N, C-alpha and C. Protein backbone atom coordinates (compact mmCIF):
# COMPACT_ATOMS: atom_id res chain seq x y z
N MET A 1 0.83 -1.18 0.00
CA MET A 1 0.00 0.00 0.00
C MET A 1 0.88 1.25 0.00
N SER A 2 0.59 2.15 -0.88
CA SER A 2 1.31 3.41 -0.87
C SER A 2 0.55 4.38 0.02
N SER A 3 1.14 5.55 0.28
CA SER A 3 0.49 6.51 1.15
C SER A 3 -0.61 7.29 0.45
N GLY A 4 -0.57 7.33 -0.84
CA GLY A 4 -1.56 8.11 -1.56
C GLY A 4 -2.61 7.25 -2.19
N PRO A 5 -3.56 7.86 -2.86
CA PRO A 5 -4.58 7.09 -3.56
C PRO A 5 -3.93 6.21 -4.62
N PRO A 6 -4.59 5.08 -4.95
CA PRO A 6 -4.04 4.19 -5.97
C PRO A 6 -3.78 4.96 -7.27
N GLY A 7 -2.66 4.68 -7.88
CA GLY A 7 -2.31 5.33 -9.12
C GLY A 7 -1.61 6.66 -8.96
N GLU A 8 -1.58 7.19 -7.74
CA GLU A 8 -0.91 8.47 -7.50
C GLU A 8 0.58 8.23 -7.28
N ALA A 9 1.40 9.00 -7.95
CA ALA A 9 2.85 8.82 -7.84
C ALA A 9 3.36 9.27 -6.49
N ILE A 10 4.34 8.53 -5.97
CA ILE A 10 5.03 8.90 -4.75
C ILE A 10 6.17 9.84 -5.13
N GLU A 11 6.32 10.91 -4.37
CA GLU A 11 7.38 11.88 -4.64
C GLU A 11 8.61 11.50 -3.81
N ILE A 12 9.74 11.31 -4.46
CA ILE A 12 10.98 10.93 -3.79
C ILE A 12 12.03 12.00 -4.08
N LEU A 13 12.71 12.45 -3.03
CA LEU A 13 13.84 13.36 -3.21
C LEU A 13 15.12 12.57 -2.97
N LEU A 14 15.96 12.49 -3.98
CA LEU A 14 17.26 11.85 -3.87
C LEU A 14 18.31 12.94 -3.75
N VAL A 15 19.05 12.93 -2.66
CA VAL A 15 20.11 13.91 -2.44
C VAL A 15 21.43 13.16 -2.62
N GLU A 16 22.03 13.33 -3.78
CA GLU A 16 23.19 12.50 -4.16
C GLU A 16 24.07 13.28 -5.13
N ASP A 17 25.36 13.30 -4.86
CA ASP A 17 26.28 14.03 -5.74
C ASP A 17 27.01 13.13 -6.73
N ASN A 18 26.87 11.82 -6.57
CA ASN A 18 27.56 10.89 -7.47
C ASN A 18 26.63 10.55 -8.64
N PRO A 19 26.97 11.00 -9.86
CA PRO A 19 26.10 10.74 -11.02
C PRO A 19 25.85 9.25 -11.27
N GLY A 20 26.84 8.42 -10.99
CA GLY A 20 26.66 6.98 -11.18
C GLY A 20 25.61 6.41 -10.24
N ASP A 21 25.63 6.86 -8.98
CA ASP A 21 24.63 6.38 -8.02
C ASP A 21 23.25 6.93 -8.35
N VAL A 22 23.20 8.15 -8.87
CA VAL A 22 21.91 8.72 -9.30
C VAL A 22 21.32 7.86 -10.42
N ARG A 23 22.17 7.53 -11.40
CA ARG A 23 21.71 6.74 -12.54
C ARG A 23 21.22 5.36 -12.08
N LEU A 24 21.97 4.72 -11.19
CA LEU A 24 21.57 3.40 -10.70
C LEU A 24 20.25 3.46 -9.93
N THR A 25 20.12 4.48 -9.10
CA THR A 25 18.88 4.62 -8.32
C THR A 25 17.69 4.84 -9.24
N LYS A 26 17.87 5.72 -10.24
CA LYS A 26 16.79 5.95 -11.21
C LYS A 26 16.40 4.65 -11.90
N GLU A 27 17.40 3.91 -12.34
CA GLU A 27 17.13 2.68 -13.06
C GLU A 27 16.41 1.67 -12.17
N ALA A 28 16.87 1.54 -10.93
CA ALA A 28 16.25 0.58 -10.01
C ALA A 28 14.80 0.96 -9.72
N LEU A 29 14.54 2.24 -9.51
CA LEU A 29 13.17 2.66 -9.22
C LEU A 29 12.28 2.52 -10.45
N LYS A 30 12.86 2.73 -11.62
CA LYS A 30 12.10 2.59 -12.86
C LYS A 30 11.65 1.14 -13.05
N GLN A 31 12.47 0.20 -12.61
CA GLN A 31 12.14 -1.22 -12.75
C GLN A 31 11.15 -1.69 -11.70
N GLY A 32 10.91 -0.86 -10.69
CA GLY A 32 10.02 -1.25 -9.59
C GLY A 32 8.56 -1.17 -9.97
N ASP A 33 7.72 -1.53 -9.00
CA ASP A 33 6.28 -1.60 -9.22
C ASP A 33 5.53 -0.33 -8.84
N VAL A 34 6.20 0.55 -8.10
CA VAL A 34 5.50 1.71 -7.56
C VAL A 34 5.73 2.93 -8.45
N LEU A 35 4.63 3.57 -8.81
CA LEU A 35 4.71 4.80 -9.60
C LEU A 35 5.36 5.87 -8.74
N ASN A 36 6.42 6.47 -9.23
CA ASN A 36 7.11 7.50 -8.44
C ASN A 36 7.65 8.60 -9.32
N ASN A 37 7.82 9.75 -8.70
CA ASN A 37 8.51 10.88 -9.32
C ASN A 37 9.78 11.11 -8.53
N LEU A 38 10.90 10.89 -9.17
CA LEU A 38 12.19 11.04 -8.50
C LEU A 38 12.76 12.42 -8.82
N HIS A 39 13.01 13.18 -7.77
CA HIS A 39 13.63 14.50 -7.89
C HIS A 39 15.05 14.35 -7.37
N VAL A 40 16.01 14.93 -8.07
CA VAL A 40 17.41 14.77 -7.68
C VAL A 40 18.05 16.13 -7.46
N VAL A 41 18.72 16.26 -6.32
CA VAL A 41 19.56 17.42 -6.05
C VAL A 41 20.94 16.89 -5.66
N LYS A 42 21.97 17.72 -5.88
CA LYS A 42 23.33 17.17 -5.73
C LYS A 42 24.08 17.62 -4.48
N ASP A 43 23.47 18.41 -3.63
CA ASP A 43 24.14 18.75 -2.38
C ASP A 43 23.11 19.17 -1.33
N GLY A 44 23.60 19.38 -0.11
CA GLY A 44 22.71 19.70 1.00
C GLY A 44 22.04 21.06 0.89
N VAL A 45 22.73 22.01 0.28
CA VAL A 45 22.14 23.35 0.11
C VAL A 45 20.94 23.25 -0.83
N GLU A 46 21.11 22.54 -1.93
CA GLU A 46 20.00 22.35 -2.87
C GLU A 46 18.87 21.55 -2.21
N ALA A 47 19.23 20.58 -1.39
CA ALA A 47 18.20 19.77 -0.72
C ALA A 47 17.32 20.65 0.16
N MET A 48 17.93 21.52 0.94
CA MET A 48 17.13 22.37 1.83
C MET A 48 16.30 23.38 1.02
N ALA A 49 16.87 23.89 -0.08
CA ALA A 49 16.11 24.81 -0.95
C ALA A 49 14.90 24.07 -1.55
N PHE A 50 15.12 22.83 -1.97
CA PHE A 50 14.02 22.02 -2.53
C PHE A 50 12.95 21.81 -1.46
N LEU A 51 13.37 21.39 -0.26
CA LEU A 51 12.40 21.08 0.80
C LEU A 51 11.62 22.32 1.24
N ARG A 52 12.26 23.47 1.16
CA ARG A 52 11.59 24.72 1.57
C ARG A 52 10.97 25.46 0.38
N CYS A 53 11.00 24.82 -0.80
CA CYS A 53 10.43 25.40 -2.03
C CYS A 53 10.99 26.79 -2.31
N GLU A 54 12.29 26.94 -2.13
CA GLU A 54 12.94 28.23 -2.34
C GLU A 54 13.53 28.31 -3.75
N ASP A 55 13.64 29.55 -4.22
CA ASP A 55 14.31 29.86 -5.49
C ASP A 55 13.77 29.00 -6.64
N GLU A 56 14.64 28.28 -7.32
CA GLU A 56 14.22 27.49 -8.48
C GLU A 56 13.28 26.35 -8.13
N TYR A 57 13.15 26.03 -6.85
CA TYR A 57 12.30 24.92 -6.42
C TYR A 57 10.91 25.37 -5.97
N GLU A 58 10.60 26.64 -6.18
CA GLU A 58 9.28 27.14 -5.83
C GLU A 58 8.22 26.33 -6.59
N GLY A 59 7.23 25.86 -5.87
CA GLY A 59 6.15 25.10 -6.49
C GLY A 59 6.42 23.62 -6.62
N THR A 60 7.59 23.16 -6.21
CA THR A 60 7.87 21.72 -6.28
C THR A 60 7.10 20.99 -5.19
N PRO A 61 6.72 19.74 -5.45
CA PRO A 61 5.95 19.00 -4.44
C PRO A 61 6.82 18.61 -3.25
N GLN A 62 6.19 18.53 -2.10
CA GLN A 62 6.88 18.03 -0.91
C GLN A 62 7.12 16.53 -1.09
N PRO A 63 8.33 16.05 -0.86
CA PRO A 63 8.57 14.62 -1.07
C PRO A 63 7.88 13.78 0.01
N ASP A 64 7.54 12.55 -0.38
CA ASP A 64 7.00 11.57 0.56
C ASP A 64 8.13 10.82 1.25
N LEU A 65 9.30 10.82 0.63
CA LEU A 65 10.46 10.09 1.14
C LEU A 65 11.72 10.79 0.65
N ILE A 66 12.73 10.84 1.53
CA ILE A 66 14.02 11.43 1.17
C ILE A 66 15.08 10.35 1.24
N LEU A 67 15.86 10.21 0.17
CA LEU A 67 17.03 9.33 0.15
C LEU A 67 18.24 10.25 0.21
N LEU A 68 19.01 10.15 1.29
CA LEU A 68 20.04 11.15 1.58
C LEU A 68 21.42 10.53 1.68
N ASP A 69 22.34 11.02 0.89
CA ASP A 69 23.74 10.65 1.03
C ASP A 69 24.31 11.49 2.17
N LEU A 70 25.32 10.99 2.85
CA LEU A 70 25.93 11.77 3.94
C LEU A 70 27.06 12.65 3.45
N ASN A 71 27.85 12.14 2.51
CA ASN A 71 29.04 12.86 2.06
C ASN A 71 28.69 13.72 0.86
N LEU A 72 28.27 14.95 1.16
CA LEU A 72 27.81 15.86 0.12
C LEU A 72 28.64 17.15 0.14
N PRO A 73 28.78 17.80 -1.01
CA PRO A 73 29.45 19.10 -1.01
C PRO A 73 28.55 20.19 -0.42
N ARG A 74 29.15 21.27 -0.01
CA ARG A 74 28.51 22.50 0.51
C ARG A 74 27.82 22.31 1.85
N LYS A 75 26.96 21.34 1.99
CA LYS A 75 26.30 21.05 3.28
C LYS A 75 26.13 19.54 3.33
N ASP A 76 26.75 18.89 4.32
CA ASP A 76 26.72 17.43 4.33
C ASP A 76 25.38 16.87 4.83
N GLY A 77 25.23 15.57 4.70
CA GLY A 77 23.97 14.93 5.04
C GLY A 77 23.58 15.08 6.51
N LYS A 78 24.57 15.12 7.40
CA LYS A 78 24.25 15.28 8.83
C LYS A 78 23.66 16.66 9.09
N GLU A 79 24.20 17.67 8.41
CA GLU A 79 23.64 19.02 8.55
C GLU A 79 22.21 19.06 8.01
N VAL A 80 21.99 18.38 6.90
CA VAL A 80 20.64 18.32 6.33
C VAL A 80 19.69 17.62 7.30
N LEU A 81 20.13 16.49 7.87
CA LEU A 81 19.30 15.78 8.85
C LEU A 81 18.95 16.68 10.03
N LYS A 82 19.94 17.43 10.51
CA LYS A 82 19.72 18.33 11.66
C LYS A 82 18.67 19.40 11.32
N GLU A 83 18.80 19.98 10.12
CA GLU A 83 17.84 21.02 9.72
C GLU A 83 16.44 20.44 9.53
N ILE A 84 16.36 19.25 8.99
CA ILE A 84 15.05 18.61 8.82
C ILE A 84 14.44 18.34 10.18
N ASP A 85 15.25 17.82 11.09
CA ASP A 85 14.76 17.49 12.44
C ASP A 85 14.27 18.73 13.19
N GLU A 86 14.88 19.87 12.93
CA GLU A 86 14.51 21.11 13.63
C GLU A 86 13.30 21.81 13.01
N ASP A 87 12.89 21.34 11.85
CA ASP A 87 11.78 21.98 11.14
C ASP A 87 10.51 21.15 11.35
N ARG A 88 9.53 21.74 12.00
CA ARG A 88 8.29 21.03 12.33
C ARG A 88 7.58 20.45 11.11
N GLU A 89 7.62 21.14 10.00
CA GLU A 89 6.95 20.68 8.78
C GLU A 89 7.74 19.57 8.08
N LEU A 90 9.04 19.67 8.11
CA LEU A 90 9.87 18.73 7.35
C LEU A 90 10.14 17.43 8.09
N ARG A 91 10.14 17.46 9.41
CA ARG A 91 10.56 16.27 10.16
C ARG A 91 9.59 15.10 10.06
N ARG A 92 8.42 15.30 9.51
CA ARG A 92 7.49 14.19 9.32
C ARG A 92 7.83 13.37 8.08
N ILE A 93 8.74 13.88 7.23
CA ILE A 93 9.12 13.17 6.01
C ILE A 93 10.17 12.12 6.36
N PRO A 94 9.91 10.85 6.07
CA PRO A 94 10.91 9.83 6.36
C PRO A 94 12.20 10.06 5.57
N VAL A 95 13.33 9.86 6.26
CA VAL A 95 14.63 10.03 5.63
C VAL A 95 15.41 8.72 5.73
N VAL A 96 15.83 8.22 4.59
CA VAL A 96 16.67 7.04 4.53
C VAL A 96 18.07 7.50 4.14
N VAL A 97 19.03 7.27 5.03
CA VAL A 97 20.41 7.59 4.71
C VAL A 97 20.96 6.47 3.83
N LEU A 98 21.45 6.85 2.67
CA LEU A 98 21.99 5.90 1.69
C LEU A 98 23.39 6.39 1.36
N THR A 99 24.38 5.78 1.98
CA THR A 99 25.72 6.34 1.94
C THR A 99 26.78 5.26 1.78
N SER A 100 27.97 5.68 1.40
CA SER A 100 29.10 4.75 1.30
C SER A 100 29.76 4.53 2.65
N SER A 101 29.45 5.38 3.63
CA SER A 101 30.09 5.27 4.94
C SER A 101 29.48 4.14 5.77
N ALA A 102 30.38 3.31 6.31
CA ALA A 102 29.96 2.28 7.26
C ALA A 102 30.49 2.61 8.65
N ALA A 103 30.95 3.85 8.83
CA ALA A 103 31.52 4.26 10.12
C ALA A 103 30.45 4.27 11.20
N GLU A 104 30.76 3.65 12.32
CA GLU A 104 29.79 3.56 13.42
C GLU A 104 29.35 4.94 13.88
N GLU A 105 30.28 5.90 13.91
CA GLU A 105 29.91 7.25 14.37
C GLU A 105 28.88 7.89 13.42
N ASP A 106 28.98 7.61 12.11
CA ASP A 106 27.99 8.15 11.17
C ASP A 106 26.62 7.49 11.39
N ILE A 107 26.63 6.20 11.66
CA ILE A 107 25.37 5.49 11.90
C ILE A 107 24.70 6.03 13.16
N VAL A 108 25.47 6.14 14.23
CA VAL A 108 24.92 6.63 15.51
C VAL A 108 24.40 8.05 15.35
N LYS A 109 25.22 8.92 14.74
CA LYS A 109 24.83 10.33 14.58
C LYS A 109 23.57 10.46 13.72
N SER A 110 23.48 9.65 12.67
CA SER A 110 22.30 9.72 11.79
C SER A 110 21.03 9.36 12.55
N TYR A 111 21.11 8.30 13.35
CA TYR A 111 19.91 7.93 14.12
C TYR A 111 19.62 8.94 15.23
N GLU A 112 20.67 9.54 15.80
CA GLU A 112 20.44 10.61 16.79
C GLU A 112 19.70 11.78 16.17
N LEU A 113 19.95 11.99 14.86
CA LEU A 113 19.29 13.09 14.15
C LEU A 113 17.97 12.62 13.52
N HIS A 114 17.50 11.45 13.96
CA HIS A 114 16.19 10.91 13.58
C HIS A 114 16.08 10.43 12.15
N ALA A 115 17.20 9.94 11.60
CA ALA A 115 17.08 9.22 10.32
C ALA A 115 16.19 8.01 10.56
N ASN A 116 15.40 7.64 9.57
CA ASN A 116 14.48 6.51 9.72
C ASN A 116 15.12 5.18 9.35
N ALA A 117 16.22 5.23 8.59
CA ALA A 117 16.97 4.03 8.23
C ALA A 117 18.35 4.46 7.78
N TYR A 118 19.29 3.54 7.91
CA TYR A 118 20.68 3.82 7.49
C TYR A 118 21.14 2.63 6.67
N ILE A 119 21.51 2.89 5.42
CA ILE A 119 21.92 1.82 4.52
C ILE A 119 23.28 2.17 3.92
N THR A 120 24.22 1.25 4.03
CA THR A 120 25.50 1.43 3.37
C THR A 120 25.38 0.93 1.94
N LYS A 121 25.74 1.80 1.00
CA LYS A 121 25.62 1.45 -0.42
C LYS A 121 26.51 0.27 -0.76
N PRO A 122 25.96 -0.72 -1.40
CA PRO A 122 26.81 -1.82 -1.87
C PRO A 122 27.71 -1.33 -3.00
N VAL A 123 28.87 -1.90 -3.11
CA VAL A 123 29.80 -1.54 -4.18
C VAL A 123 29.39 -2.21 -5.49
N ASP A 124 28.87 -3.42 -5.39
CA ASP A 124 28.46 -4.18 -6.56
C ASP A 124 27.18 -3.59 -7.17
N ILE A 125 27.17 -3.43 -8.48
CA ILE A 125 26.04 -2.79 -9.16
C ILE A 125 24.75 -3.58 -8.97
N ASP A 126 24.80 -4.89 -9.13
CA ASP A 126 23.59 -5.70 -8.97
C ASP A 126 23.04 -5.59 -7.54
N GLN A 127 23.94 -5.58 -6.57
CA GLN A 127 23.49 -5.44 -5.18
C GLN A 127 22.91 -4.05 -4.93
N PHE A 128 23.51 -3.02 -5.57
CA PHE A 128 22.99 -1.66 -5.41
C PHE A 128 21.55 -1.59 -5.93
N ILE A 129 21.33 -2.15 -7.11
CA ILE A 129 19.98 -2.15 -7.69
C ILE A 129 19.01 -2.92 -6.79
N GLU A 130 19.47 -4.06 -6.26
CA GLU A 130 18.63 -4.85 -5.36
C GLU A 130 18.27 -4.06 -4.11
N VAL A 131 19.24 -3.33 -3.54
CA VAL A 131 18.97 -2.51 -2.35
C VAL A 131 17.94 -1.42 -2.69
N ALA A 132 18.14 -0.75 -3.83
CA ALA A 132 17.21 0.31 -4.21
C ALA A 132 15.80 -0.25 -4.42
N GLN A 133 15.70 -1.42 -5.01
CA GLN A 133 14.38 -2.01 -5.21
C GLN A 133 13.76 -2.47 -3.89
N ASN A 134 14.59 -2.97 -2.98
CA ASN A 134 14.08 -3.33 -1.65
C ASN A 134 13.60 -2.09 -0.89
N LEU A 135 14.35 -1.00 -1.06
CA LEU A 135 13.93 0.27 -0.45
C LEU A 135 12.55 0.65 -0.96
N GLU A 136 12.39 0.57 -2.27
CA GLU A 136 11.10 0.91 -2.87
C GLU A 136 10.01 -0.01 -2.33
N GLN A 137 10.29 -1.30 -2.30
CA GLN A 137 9.30 -2.26 -1.82
C GLN A 137 8.88 -1.94 -0.38
N PHE A 138 9.87 -1.69 0.49
CA PHE A 138 9.55 -1.44 1.89
C PHE A 138 8.89 -0.09 2.10
N TRP A 139 9.55 0.99 1.63
CA TRP A 139 9.08 2.34 1.94
C TRP A 139 7.86 2.76 1.13
N LEU A 140 7.70 2.22 -0.05
CA LEU A 140 6.61 2.70 -0.90
C LEU A 140 5.46 1.70 -1.03
N SER A 141 5.67 0.46 -0.60
CA SER A 141 4.60 -0.53 -0.71
C SER A 141 4.12 -1.04 0.64
N ILE A 142 5.02 -1.17 1.60
CA ILE A 142 4.66 -1.75 2.90
C ILE A 142 4.35 -0.66 3.93
N VAL A 143 5.24 0.32 4.02
CA VAL A 143 5.10 1.37 5.05
C VAL A 143 3.97 2.32 4.68
N LYS A 144 3.23 2.73 5.67
CA LYS A 144 2.21 3.77 5.47
C LYS A 144 2.87 5.11 5.78
N LEU A 145 3.01 5.95 4.76
CA LEU A 145 3.65 7.25 4.91
C LEU A 145 2.63 8.28 5.35
N PRO A 146 3.08 9.36 6.01
CA PRO A 146 2.14 10.40 6.40
C PRO A 146 1.55 11.07 5.16
N PRO A 147 0.34 11.60 5.28
CA PRO A 147 -0.26 12.26 4.10
C PRO A 147 0.57 13.46 3.69
N ASN A 148 0.62 13.67 2.40
CA ASN A 148 1.30 14.84 1.87
C ASN A 148 0.25 15.89 1.67
N ASP A 149 0.35 16.99 2.41
CA ASP A 149 -0.67 18.02 2.40
C ASP A 149 -0.64 18.90 1.16
N GLU A 150 0.33 18.67 0.29
CA GLU A 150 0.41 19.54 -0.88
C GLU A 150 -0.31 18.96 -2.07
C-alpha cells in the first residue's frame, strides 16, 4: 500500500552528488512496481532549498520520502538531517540515509538526528539495484507514509 490514492505517484527526493549512483537509483526505481517521481539534487544546500520550495524549487511538491547521502558538497547529510529534524513541517518526512560510509559514528549520529533508516551502499552494481528495489518495496509498498498536504 502506498500513502496516496491508488495510481498516484510517490514523490521521492534523492540527495546524491555521485552521477553513477543517481543513474543506478533511477534505473532501479524505474524497474520497480510503484509509480514514483524522482527529484534529484546534488548537495545539501539544494536539498534544503528544494524542501523549503525556495528559489528554483518554488512550487515543487513536498517529497514523501528522502534518500540522503551523507558525504555531500557545501552542506553534508548530517547538517541536512539536523535542519530537517529542527523543522516542524519537514521532520514528518521519512529520511533514509543511503551512503558509502559504514563508520559507526555516522550510523549513531544519523539515528540521533532521527534518520528513519541507514543503509551502506553496496559496491556491486547488482546489489545496489537490489537494495534500491528493496527500499522501494519497503518504503513505498509496505510502510504507510504520512499524508502529503500539498
